Amino acid sequence: MLAVVQGLTEFLPVSSSGHLAIVSRVFFAGDAGASFTAVTQLGTEAAVLVYFARDIVRILKAWFSGLRAAAHRRADYWLGWYVIIGTIPICVLGLFFKDEIRSGVRNLWVIATALVVFSAVIALAERIGRQSRDVEQLTWRDAVVVGIAQTLALVPGVSRSGATISAGLFLGLKRELAARFGFLLAIPAVFASGLFSLPDAFRPVSEGMSATGPQLVVAIAIAFVVGLAAVAWFSAVSGAPQHVLVRRLPGRGWRSRADPAGHRGGVRHMTAGDDQQGSAISEGTEERRI
């Protein structure tokens, strides 16, 4: 059950960790724990890797190519650097406050407050964000700000994708770019967190239920299957209350369908952006300095 909840809520701006904490207390009379949550997230992030595999490979190729020759430093090369820069804040704070993350902030009052407050933040970002900047205008400062926003997801009840996309919108990024960057930024952070927390999932050092090896394997597998189906379905369906969704149209580029605050009383449905954004991402040639 917990793995299904993880798979369904990871791609909505509703905080999968917060919902896991609530569901585990309701049905199992105890908190699943931060370590178990982090490990099950490996399944949903693996789903992201599979679904966006071609684009991730393209960015990695561009990054390594750019390291070898300055002439190859195009938009995807810089995007790779910005993902690295944006990952640093959550790694530092996650290690520094690991004990608090596993205990104090998993209070249901904290989770409920975060869920309510952050729904308003997402709606506000959608309303006042200019959404005028594309990938060619992305800078290392944007990566730092969005990376700091991602650290808010260390608190259960704050959605990782909701935090990063809201930060991007406040910075004036186009919605499809903010969504794409948020998805990419989550990959190294979640995998690092899951692998780091793996030993504690078997024997929690503070609060949380322990799990056996087979249980963790099954949970990760279920989260992967449900997460892959969820991200594919959300990307294909239009007009449903959903988070910012990004899909790559073969031969054309990126397009997003969005209702950023949908699950919590959405404000509107819209289709945003055009294929020029995708062309800028895959073919951009403007060089910039970090």
Foldseek 3Di string as FASTA:
>chain_A
DLLLLLLQPQFAQFFSQLVQQVVCCVPVVFGQWPLLSLQLVLQLLVLVCVQCVVVVVLLVVLLVVCVVPVQSNFLSNVLVVLLVLLLVVLVVVCVVCVVCLGPVLSDNVNQVVLQVVLLVLLVVLVVPQQQPDASVPDDSVLSNQLSNQLNVSSRGNGRNQSSQQSSCSNVNHHNQRSNVSSSSSVNVNSVVSNVVSVVCLQPPPDGRDHDDPVVSVVSSNSSNVSNNVNLVVVQPDFPAQGAWHWDADVPQFIWTWHQHSRVPPTDDTDTDDGSVSGCCNNPGRDDDDD
